[in-house]
Amino acid sequence: MSLISVIVPVYNRAALFADSLATLLEQAEVTTQIVIVDDGSTEDIASVVKQAEKMHDVSIEYIRQDNAGAAAARNVGAKKAKGEYLIFWDADIIAQPQMLSKMLIALEENKDAIVAYSDFMHGEATMVGQPFSLRALKKRNFITTTSLMRTSAFTSFDTTLKRFQDWDLWLQILHKKTDAVYIPNILFAITSEGQTMSDWLPRWAFWWPFSLFPRFANRVTQYKQAEAVIRKKHGIE
């Protein structure tokens, strides 16, 4: 079985991280290299890692760095990757037991694809993807950070970006001569705790007149500004 390098950036929320790590260690029929990058947490992340190692009789690489943000933590972890395949596993991911094996099979059965991605839950919202199209990807991102890729394809996350680091990455590596494979199944959930859910807005929140509502207006503006940065960087009109 091909080795999958799993990079887990974590900043505090130790209890949530422990639950996420448990679902990673319960992945069926895959061989993994696990790299935890503690991004300057004030909570005791190292103890969670040690307990998981003891309970599951595994070895986990633990790196601690000064707080630099998730993108920087992912880049640090990626430098340690030894596997043919690579995935970034955020610390609020709760995965189905067959998640990695299904993504691995998808890539091994589609030799031209360099990324495998799926549907997922974001809090109570079902996030449905679509078959890959570069033209569609240039319009909006539908590939989450937690997608399996061929390690040789990875470049780096742009640490200067405040938002859309994942969209930027996919636009970097999924050019006209590459492909990605879509798995139309919900393979994991992003919990609604912490900051992640607050960053997400339903699509209708961007439509008039909803975009003018005080509840959405500021976040819609921030979204559009960040989107403009990505479009300018990649020359998308």
C-alpha atoms as a PDB file:
ATOM      1  CA  MET A   1       0.000   0.000   0.000  1.00  0.00           C
ATOM      2  CA  SER A   2       1.353   3.425  -0.935  1.00  0.00           C
ATOM      3  CA  LEU A   3       2.436   5.669   1.946  1.00  0.00           C
ATOM      4  CA  ILE A   4       0.274   8.714   2.656  1.00  0.00           C
ATOM      5  CA  SER A   5       1.857  11.646   4.479  1.00  0.00           C
ATOM      6  CA  VAL A   6      -0.728  13.394   6.651  1.00  0.00           C
ATOM      7  CA  ILE A   7       0.107  16.922   7.808  1.00  0.00           C
ATOM      8  CA  VAL A   8      -1.937  18.191  10.756  1.00  0.00           C
ATOM      9  CA  PRO A   9      -1.559  21.877  11.700  1.00  0.00           C
ATOM     10  CA  VAL A  10      -3.008  22.581  15.134  1.00  0.00           C
ATOM     11  CA  TYR A  11      -3.463  25.655  17.277  1.00  0.00           C
ATOM     12  CA  ASN A  12      -5.105  25.073  20.679  1.00  0.00           C
ATOM     13  CA  ARG A  13      -8.541  23.380  20.889  1.00  0.00           C
ATOM     14  CA  ALA A  14      -6.783  20.308  22.309  1.00  0.00           C
ATOM     15  CA  ALA A  15      -9.959  18.311  22.970  1.00  0.00           C
ATOM     16  CA  LEU A  16     -11.210  18.832  19.426  1.00  0.00           C
ATOM     17  CA  PHE A  17      -7.774  17.950  18.065  1.00  0.00           C
ATOM     18  CA  ALA A  18      -7.804  14.712  20.090  1.00  0.00           C
ATOM     19  CA  ASP A  19     -11.119  13.681  18.491  1.00  0.00           C
ATOM     20  CA  SER A  20      -9.813  14.524  15.030  1.00  0.00           C
ATOM     21  CA  LEU A  21      -6.574  12.631  15.577  1.00  0.00           C
ATOM     22  CA  ALA A  22      -8.530   9.583  16.720  1.00  0.00           C
ATOM     23  CA  THR A  23     -10.412   9.445  13.411  1.00  0.00           C
ATOM     24  CA  LEU A  24      -7.116   9.764  11.556  1.00  0.00           C
ATOM     25  CA  LEU A  25      -5.582   6.871  13.481  1.00  0.00           C
ATOM     26  CA  GLU A  26      -8.674   4.744  12.753  1.00  0.00           C
ATOM     27  CA  GLN A  27      -8.341   5.047   8.965  1.00  0.00           C
ATOM     28  CA  ALA A  28      -8.760   1.613   7.408  1.00  0.00           C
ATOM     29  CA  GLU A  29      -6.372  -0.141   5.037  1.00  0.00           C
ATOM     30  CA  VAL A  30      -3.875   2.697   4.591  1.00  0.00           C
ATOM     31  CA  THR A  31      -0.288   3.292   5.652  1.00  0.00           C
ATOM     32  CA  THR A  32       0.313   6.777   6.975  1.00  0.00           C
ATOM     33  CA  GLN A  33       3.123   9.042   8.081  1.00  0.00           C
ATOM     34  CA  ILE A  34       1.614  11.518  10.533  1.00  0.00           C
ATOM     35  CA  VAL A  35       3.226  14.912  11.097  1.00  0.00           C
ATOM     36  CA  ILE A  36       1.698  17.211  13.719  1.00  0.00           C
ATOM     37  CA  VAL A  37       2.715  20.873  13.516  1.00  0.00           C
ATOM     38  CA  ASP A  38       1.856  22.705  16.732  1.00  0.00           C
ATOM     39  CA  ASP A  39       1.575  26.358  15.718  1.00  0.00           C
ATOM     40  CA  GLY A  40       2.519  27.891  19.070  1.00  0.00           C
ATOM     41  CA  SER A  41      -0.432  26.560  21.064  1.00  0.00           C
ATOM     42  CA  THR A  42      -0.900  27.590  24.687  1.00  0.00           C
ATOM     43  CA  GLU A  43      -2.735  24.313  25.343  1.00  0.00           C
ATOM     44  CA  ASP A  44      -0.845  21.053  25.865  1.00  0.00           C
ATOM     45  CA  ILE A  45      -0.950  19.562  22.388  1.00  0.00           C
ATOM     46  CA  ALA A  46       2.165  17.435  22.997  1.00  0.00           C
ATOM     47  CA  SER A  47       0.358  15.435  25.693  1.00  0.00           C
ATOM     48  CA  VAL A  48      -2.513  14.679  23.303  1.00  0.00           C
ATOM     49  CA  VAL A  49      -0.010  13.347  20.769  1.00  0.00           C
ATOM     50  CA  LYS A  50       1.794  11.201  23.357  1.00  0.00           C
ATOM     51  CA  GLN A  51      -1.476   9.735  24.605  1.00  0.00           C
ATOM     52  CA  ALA A  52      -2.556   8.895  21.053  1.00  0.00           C
ATOM     53  CA  GLU A  53       0.789   7.224  20.355  1.00  0.00           C
ATOM     54  CA  LYS A  54       0.412   5.080  23.469  1.00  0.00           C
ATOM     55  CA  MET A  55      -3.228   4.132  22.839  1.00  0.00           C
ATOM     56  CA  HIS A  56      -2.718   3.225  19.171  1.00  0.00           C
ATOM     57  CA  ASP A  57       0.881   1.976  19.387  1.00  0.00           C
ATOM     58  CA  VAL A  58       2.059   4.298  16.618  1.00  0.00           C
ATOM     59  CA  SER A  59       4.839   6.804  16.095  1.00  0.00           C
ATOM     60  CA  ILE A  60       3.813  10.386  15.329  1.00  0.00           C
ATOM     61  CA  GLU A  61       6.216  13.157  14.372  1.00  0.00           C
ATOM     62  CA  TYR A  62       5.557  16.231  16.495  1.00  0.00           C
ATOM     63  CA  ILE A  63       6.904  19.674  15.560  1.00  0.00           C
ATOM     64  CA  ARG A  64       6.371  22.797  17.601  1.00  0.00           C
ATOM     65  CA  GLN A  65       6.906  26.268  16.159  1.00  0.00           C
ATOM     66  CA  ASP A  66       6.162  29.851  17.108  1.00  0.00           C
ATOM     67  CA  ASN A  67       2.709  30.935  15.990  1.00  0.00           C
ATOM     68  CA  ALA A  68       2.861  31.711  12.273  1.00  0.00           C
ATOM     69  CA  GLY A  69      -0.551  30.671  10.971  1.00  0.00           C
ATOM     70  CA  ALA A  70      -1.998  27.542   9.395  1.00  0.00           C
ATOM     71  CA  ALA A  71      -0.459  28.094   5.951  1.00  0.00           C
ATOM     72  CA  ALA A  72       3.053  28.339   7.391  1.00  0.00           C
ATOM     73  CA  ALA A  73       2.436  25.274   9.577  1.00  0.00           C
ATOM     74  CA  ARG A  74       1.296  23.266   6.564  1.00  0.00           C
ATOM     75  CA  ASN A  75       4.422  24.244   4.637  1.00  0.00           C
ATOM     76  CA  VAL A  76       6.664  23.178   7.521  1.00  0.00           C
ATOM     77  CA  GLY A  77       4.908  19.834   7.761  1.00  0.00           C
ATOM     78  CA  ALA A  78       5.030  19.246   4.005  1.00  0.00           C
ATOM     79  CA  LYS A  79       8.834  19.451   4.078  1.00  0.00           C
ATOM     80  CA  LYS A  80       8.801  16.308   6.242  1.00  0.00           C
ATOM     81  CA  ALA A  81       6.584  14.335   3.865  1.00  0.00           C
ATOM     82  CA  LYS A  82       7.995  10.980   2.772  1.00  0.00           C
ATOM     83  CA  GLY A  83       4.916   9.498   1.133  1.00  0.00           C
ATOM     84  CA  GLU A  84       3.929   9.292  -2.498  1.00  0.00           C
ATOM     85  CA  TYR A  85       0.662  10.962  -1.479  1.00  0.00           C
ATOM     86  CA  LEU A  86       0.035  13.993   0.729  1.00  0.00           C
ATOM     87  CA  ILE A  87      -2.970  15.406   2.556  1.00  0.00           C
ATOM     88  CA  PHE A  88      -3.472  18.354   4.902  1.00  0.00           C
ATOM     89  CA  TRP A  89      -5.715  17.340   7.770  1.00  0.00           C
ATOM     90  CA  ASP A  90      -6.983  20.282   9.796  1.00  0.00           C
ATOM     91  CA  ALA A  91      -7.439  19.688  13.513  1.00  0.00           C
ATOM     92  CA  ASP A  92     -11.239  20.016  13.314  1.00  0.00           C
ATOM     93  CA  ILE A  93     -11.681  17.216  10.762  1.00  0.00           C
ATOM     94  CA  ILE A  94     -13.800  14.243  11.803  1.00  0.00           C
ATOM     95  CA  ALA A  95     -13.357  11.636   9.090  1.00  0.00           C
ATOM     96  CA  GLN A  96     -15.168   8.547   7.935  1.00  0.00           C
ATOM     97  CA  PRO A  97     -13.017   5.398   8.479  1.00  0.00           C
ATOM     98  CA  GLN A  98     -12.683   4.787   4.720  1.00  0.00           C
ATOM     99  CA  MET A  99     -11.873   8.375   3.775  1.00  0.00           C
ATOM    100  CA  LEU A 100      -8.190   7.992   2.944  1.00  0.00           C
ATOM    101  CA  SER A 101      -8.582   4.587   1.312  1.00  0.00           C
ATOM    102  CA  LYS A 102     -11.331   5.899  -0.981  1.00  0.00           C
ATOM    103  CA  MET A 103      -9.255   8.926  -1.961  1.00  0.00           C
ATOM    104  CA  LEU A 104      -6.212   6.712  -2.557  1.00  0.00           C
ATOM    105  CA  ILE A 105      -8.168   4.312  -4.752  1.00  0.00           C
ATOM    106  CA  ALA A 106      -9.542   7.249  -6.744  1.00  0.00           C
ATOM    107  CA  LEU A 107      -6.038   8.509  -7.511  1.00  0.00           C
ATOM    108  CA  GLU A 108      -4.604   5.078  -8.266  1.00  0.00           C
ATOM    109  CA  GLU A 109      -7.464   4.374 -10.661  1.00  0.00           C
ATOM    110  CA  ASN A 110      -7.098   7.774 -12.340  1.00  0.00           C
ATOM    111  CA  LYS A 111      -3.441   8.065 -13.253  1.00  0.00           C
ATOM    112  CA  ASP A 112      -3.868  11.490 -14.879  1.00  0.00           C
ATOM    113  CA  ALA A 113      -5.366  12.999 -11.726  1.00  0.00           C
ATOM    114  CA  ILE A 114      -3.105  14.624  -9.156  1.00  0.00           C
ATOM    115  CA  VAL A 115      -5.791  15.492  -6.588  1.00  0.00           C
ATOM    116  CA  ALA A 116      -8.782  13.562  -5.199  1.00  0.00           C
ATOM    117  CA  TYR A 117     -11.500  15.519  -3.369  1.00  0.00           C
ATOM    118  CA  SER A 118     -14.964  14.809  -1.988  1.00  0.00           C
ATOM    119  CA  ASP A 119     -18.146  16.206  -0.522  1.00  0.00           C
ATOM    120  CA  PHE A 120     -18.093  17.012   3.202  1.00  0.00           C
ATOM    121  CA  MET A 121     -20.110  18.485   6.032  1.00  0.00           C
ATOM    122  CA  HIS A 122     -19.347  21.969   7.362  1.00  0.00           C
ATOM    123  CA  GLY A 123     -21.246  22.174  10.602  1.00  0.00           C
ATOM    124  CA  GLU A 124     -24.810  21.390   9.553  1.00  0.00           C
ATOM    125  CA  ALA A 125     -24.248  22.388   5.922  1.00  0.00           C
ATOM    126  CA  THR A 126     -23.561  19.787   3.235  1.00  0.00           C
ATOM    127  CA  MET A 127     -20.793  21.008   0.959  1.00  0.00           C
ATOM    128  CA  VAL A 128     -21.289  19.374  -2.430  1.00  0.00           C
ATOM    129  CA  GLY A 129     -18.473  19.474  -4.955  1.00  0.00           C
ATOM    130  CA  GLN A 130     -18.562  18.933  -8.694  1.00  0.00           C
ATOM    131  CA  PRO A 131     -16.582  17.085 -11.380  1.00  0.00           C
ATOM    132  CA  PHE A 132     -13.299  18.836 -12.032  1.00  0.00           C
ATOM    133  CA  SER A 133     -13.078  21.602 -14.598  1.00  0.00           C
ATOM    134  CA  LEU A 134     -10.308  24.192 -14.658  1.00  0.00           C
ATOM    135  CA  ARG A 135     -12.742  26.703 -16.091  1.00  0.00           C
ATOM    136  CA  ALA A 136     -15.100  26.122 -13.152  1.00  0.00           C
ATOM    137  CA  LEU A 137     -12.232  26.281 -10.650  1.00  0.00           C
ATOM    138  CA  LYS A 138     -11.288  29.716 -11.947  1.00  0.00           C
ATOM    139  CA  LYS A 139     -14.796  30.908 -11.123  1.00  0.00           C
ATOM    140  CA  ARG A 140     -14.868  29.571  -7.554  1.00  0.00           C
ATOM    141  CA  ASN A 141     -13.121  27.049  -5.374  1.00  0.00           C
ATOM    142  CA  PHE A 142     -14.874  23.713  -4.845  1.00  0.00           C
ATOM    143  CA  ILE A 143     -11.852  21.706  -3.622  1.00  0.00           C
ATOM    144  CA  THR A 144     -11.230  21.773   0.115  1.00  0.00           C
ATOM    145  CA  THR A 145      -7.791  21.828   1.725  1.00  0.00           C
ATOM    146  CA  THR A 146      -8.389  18.294   3.007  1.00  0.00           C
ATOM    147  CA  SER A 147      -7.903  16.572  -0.347  1.00  0.00           C
ATOM    148  CA  LEU A 148      -5.400  13.865  -1.245  1.00  0.00           C
ATOM    149  CA  MET A 149      -2.724  14.837  -3.760  1.00  0.00           C
ATOM    150  CA  ARG A 150       0.394  13.392  -5.278  1.00  0.00           C
ATOM    151  CA  THR A 151       3.250  14.746  -3.176  1.00  0.00           C
ATOM    152  CA  SER A 152       5.272  15.616  -6.276  1.00  0.00           C
ATOM    153  CA  ALA A 153       2.544  18.086  -7.308  1.00  0.00           C
ATOM    154  CA  PHE A 154       2.603  20.152  -4.115  1.00  0.00           C
ATOM    155  CA  THR A 155       4.183  23.595  -4.340  1.00  0.00           C
ATOM    156  CA  SER A 156       3.482  25.609  -1.176  1.00  0.00           C
ATOM    157  CA  PHE A 157       0.798  27.628   0.547  1.00  0.00           C
ATOM    158  CA  ASP A 158       1.131  31.389   0.125  1.00  0.00           C
ATOM    159  CA  THR A 159       1.584  32.683   3.670  1.00  0.00           C
ATOM    160  CA  THR A 160       0.884  36.279   2.591  1.00  0.00           C
ATOM    161  CA  LEU A 161      -2.745  35.469   1.821  1.00  0.00           C
ATOM    162  CA  LYS A 162      -5.305  36.012   4.563  1.00  0.00           C
ATOM    163  CA  ARG A 163      -7.960  33.886   2.833  1.00  0.00           C
ATOM    164  CA  PHE A 164      -8.314  31.378   0.017  1.00  0.00           C
ATOM    165  CA  GLN A 165      -4.900  29.729   0.500  1.00  0.00           C
ATOM    166  CA  ASP A 166      -6.496  26.478  -0.656  1.00  0.00           C
ATOM    167  CA  TRP A 167      -7.984  28.004  -3.828  1.00  0.00           C
ATOM    168  CA  ASP A 168      -4.631  29.609  -4.571  1.00  0.00           C
ATOM    169  CA  LEU A 169      -2.871  26.246  -4.170  1.00  0.00           C
ATOM    170  CA  TRP A 170      -5.231  24.401  -6.523  1.00  0.00           C
ATOM    171  CA  LEU A 171      -4.913  27.136  -9.136  1.00  0.00           C
ATOM    172  CA  GLN A 172      -1.136  26.777  -8.869  1.00  0.00           C
ATOM    173  CA  ILE A 173      -1.015  23.021  -9.424  1.00  0.00           C
ATOM    174  CA  LEU A 174      -4.142  22.255 -11.462  1.00  0.00           C
ATOM    175  CA  HIS A 175      -3.181  23.853 -14.733  1.00  0.00           C
ATOM    176  CA  LYS A 176      -4.346  22.921 -18.227  1.00  0.00           C
ATOM    177  CA  LYS A 177      -2.278  19.721 -18.421  1.00  0.00           C
ATOM    178  CA  THR A 178      -3.416  18.271 -15.102  1.00  0.00           C
ATOM    179  CA  ASP A 179      -6.600  16.760 -13.747  1.00  0.00           C
ATOM    180  CA  ALA A 180      -8.393  16.042 -10.460  1.00  0.00           C
ATOM    181  CA  VAL A 181     -10.949  13.391  -9.528  1.00  0.00           C
ATOM    182  CA  TYR A 182     -14.176  14.107  -7.664  1.00  0.00           C
ATOM    183  CA  ILE A 183     -15.630  11.590  -5.195  1.00  0.00           C
ATOM    184  CA  PRO A 184     -19.372  12.347  -4.824  1.00  0.00           C
ATOM    185  CA  ASN A 185     -19.592  11.092  -1.240  1.00  0.00           C
ATOM    186  CA  ILE A 186     -19.410  12.800   2.146  1.00  0.00           C
ATOM    187  CA  LEU A 187     -16.113  11.526   3.549  1.00  0.00           C
ATOM    188  CA  PHE A 188     -15.569  13.891   6.475  1.00  0.00           C
ATOM    189  CA  ALA A 189     -16.989  16.722   8.532  1.00  0.00           C
ATOM    190  CA  ILE A 190     -15.554  20.045   9.628  1.00  0.00           C
ATOM    191  CA  THR A 191     -16.955  20.763  13.065  1.00  0.00           C
ATOM    192  CA  SER A 192     -18.694  24.050  13.733  1.00  0.00           C
ATOM    193  CA  GLU A 193     -16.580  24.836  16.801  1.00  0.00           C
ATOM    194  CA  GLY A 194     -14.046  27.645  16.724  1.00  0.00           C
ATOM    195  CA  GLN A 195     -13.483  29.968  13.795  1.00  0.00           C
ATOM    196  CA  THR A 196     -14.022  27.776  10.754  1.00  0.00           C
ATOM    197  CA  MET A 197     -17.802  27.872  10.601  1.00  0.00           C
ATOM    198  CA  SER A 198     -17.916  31.630  11.170  1.00  0.00           C
ATOM    199  CA  ASP A 199     -15.849  32.116   8.009  1.00  0.00           C
ATOM    200  CA  TRP A 200     -18.421  30.317   5.851  1.00  0.00           C
ATOM    201  CA  LEU A 201     -21.472  31.956   4.317  1.00  0.00           C
ATOM    202  CA  PRO A 202     -24.250  30.330   2.289  1.00  0.00           C
ATOM    203  CA  ARG A 203     -24.182  31.267  -1.392  1.00  0.00           C
ATOM    204  CA  TRP A 204     -27.412  33.210  -1.160  1.00  0.00           C
ATOM    205  CA  ALA A 205     -25.775  35.591   1.362  1.00  0.00           C
ATOM    206  CA  PHE A 206     -23.909  37.123  -1.599  1.00  0.00           C
ATOM    207  CA  TRP A 207     -27.089  37.844  -3.540  1.00  0.00           C
ATOM    208  CA  TRP A 208     -28.926  41.181  -3.450  1.00  0.00           C
ATOM    209  CA  PRO A 209     -30.558  42.211  -1.166  1.00  0.00           C
ATOM    210  CA  PHE A 210     -29.155  39.672   1.355  1.00  0.00           C
ATOM    211  CA  SER A 211     -25.611  40.968   0.809  1.00  0.00           C
ATOM    212  CA  LEU A 212     -26.721  44.339   2.186  1.00  0.00           C
ATOM    213  CA  PHE A 213     -28.020  42.938   5.471  1.00  0.00           C
ATOM    214  CA  PRO A 214     -25.889  44.039   8.458  1.00  0.00           C
ATOM    215  CA  ARG A 215     -25.443  40.369   9.392  1.00  0.00           C
ATOM    216  CA  PHE A 216     -23.636  39.655   6.107  1.00  0.00           C
ATOM    217  CA  ALA A 217     -22.461  42.968   4.599  1.00  0.00           C
ATOM    218  CA  ASN A 218     -18.999  43.211   6.202  1.00  0.00           C
ATOM    219  CA  ARG A 219     -18.155  39.550   5.641  1.00  0.00           C
ATOM    220  CA  VAL A 220     -19.351  39.678   2.031  1.00  0.00           C
ATOM    221  CA  THR A 221     -17.108  42.705   1.433  1.00  0.00           C
ATOM    222  CA  GLN A 222     -14.116  40.919   2.984  1.00  0.00           C
ATOM    223  CA  TYR A 223     -14.838  37.857   0.866  1.00  0.00           C
ATOM    224  CA  LYS A 224     -14.983  39.852  -2.349  1.00  0.00           C
ATOM    225  CA  GLN A 225     -11.773  41.707  -1.515  1.00  0.00           C
ATOM    226  CA  ALA A 226      -9.937  38.443  -0.851  1.00  0.00           C
ATOM    227  CA  GLU A 227     -11.399  36.927  -4.022  1.00  0.00           C
ATOM    228  CA  ALA A 228     -10.071  39.910  -6.023  1.00  0.00           C
ATOM    229  CA  VAL A 229      -6.564  39.247  -4.681  1.00  0.00           C
ATOM    230  CA  ILE A 230      -6.646  35.670  -5.962  1.00  0.00           C
ATOM    231  CA  ARG A 231      -8.067  36.654  -9.333  1.00  0.00           C
ATOM    232  CA  LYS A 232      -5.377  39.287  -9.804  1.00  0.00           C
ATOM    233  CA  LYS A 233      -2.597  36.893  -8.778  1.00  0.00           C
ATOM    234  CA  HIS A 234      -3.718  34.258 -11.286  1.00  0.00           C
ATOM    235  CA  GLY A 235      -4.789  36.616 -14.038  1.00  0.00           C
ATOM    236  CA  ILE A 236      -8.460  35.633 -13.854  1.00  0.00           C
ATOM    237  CA  GLU A 237     -10.902  38.156 -15.227  1.00  0.00           C
END
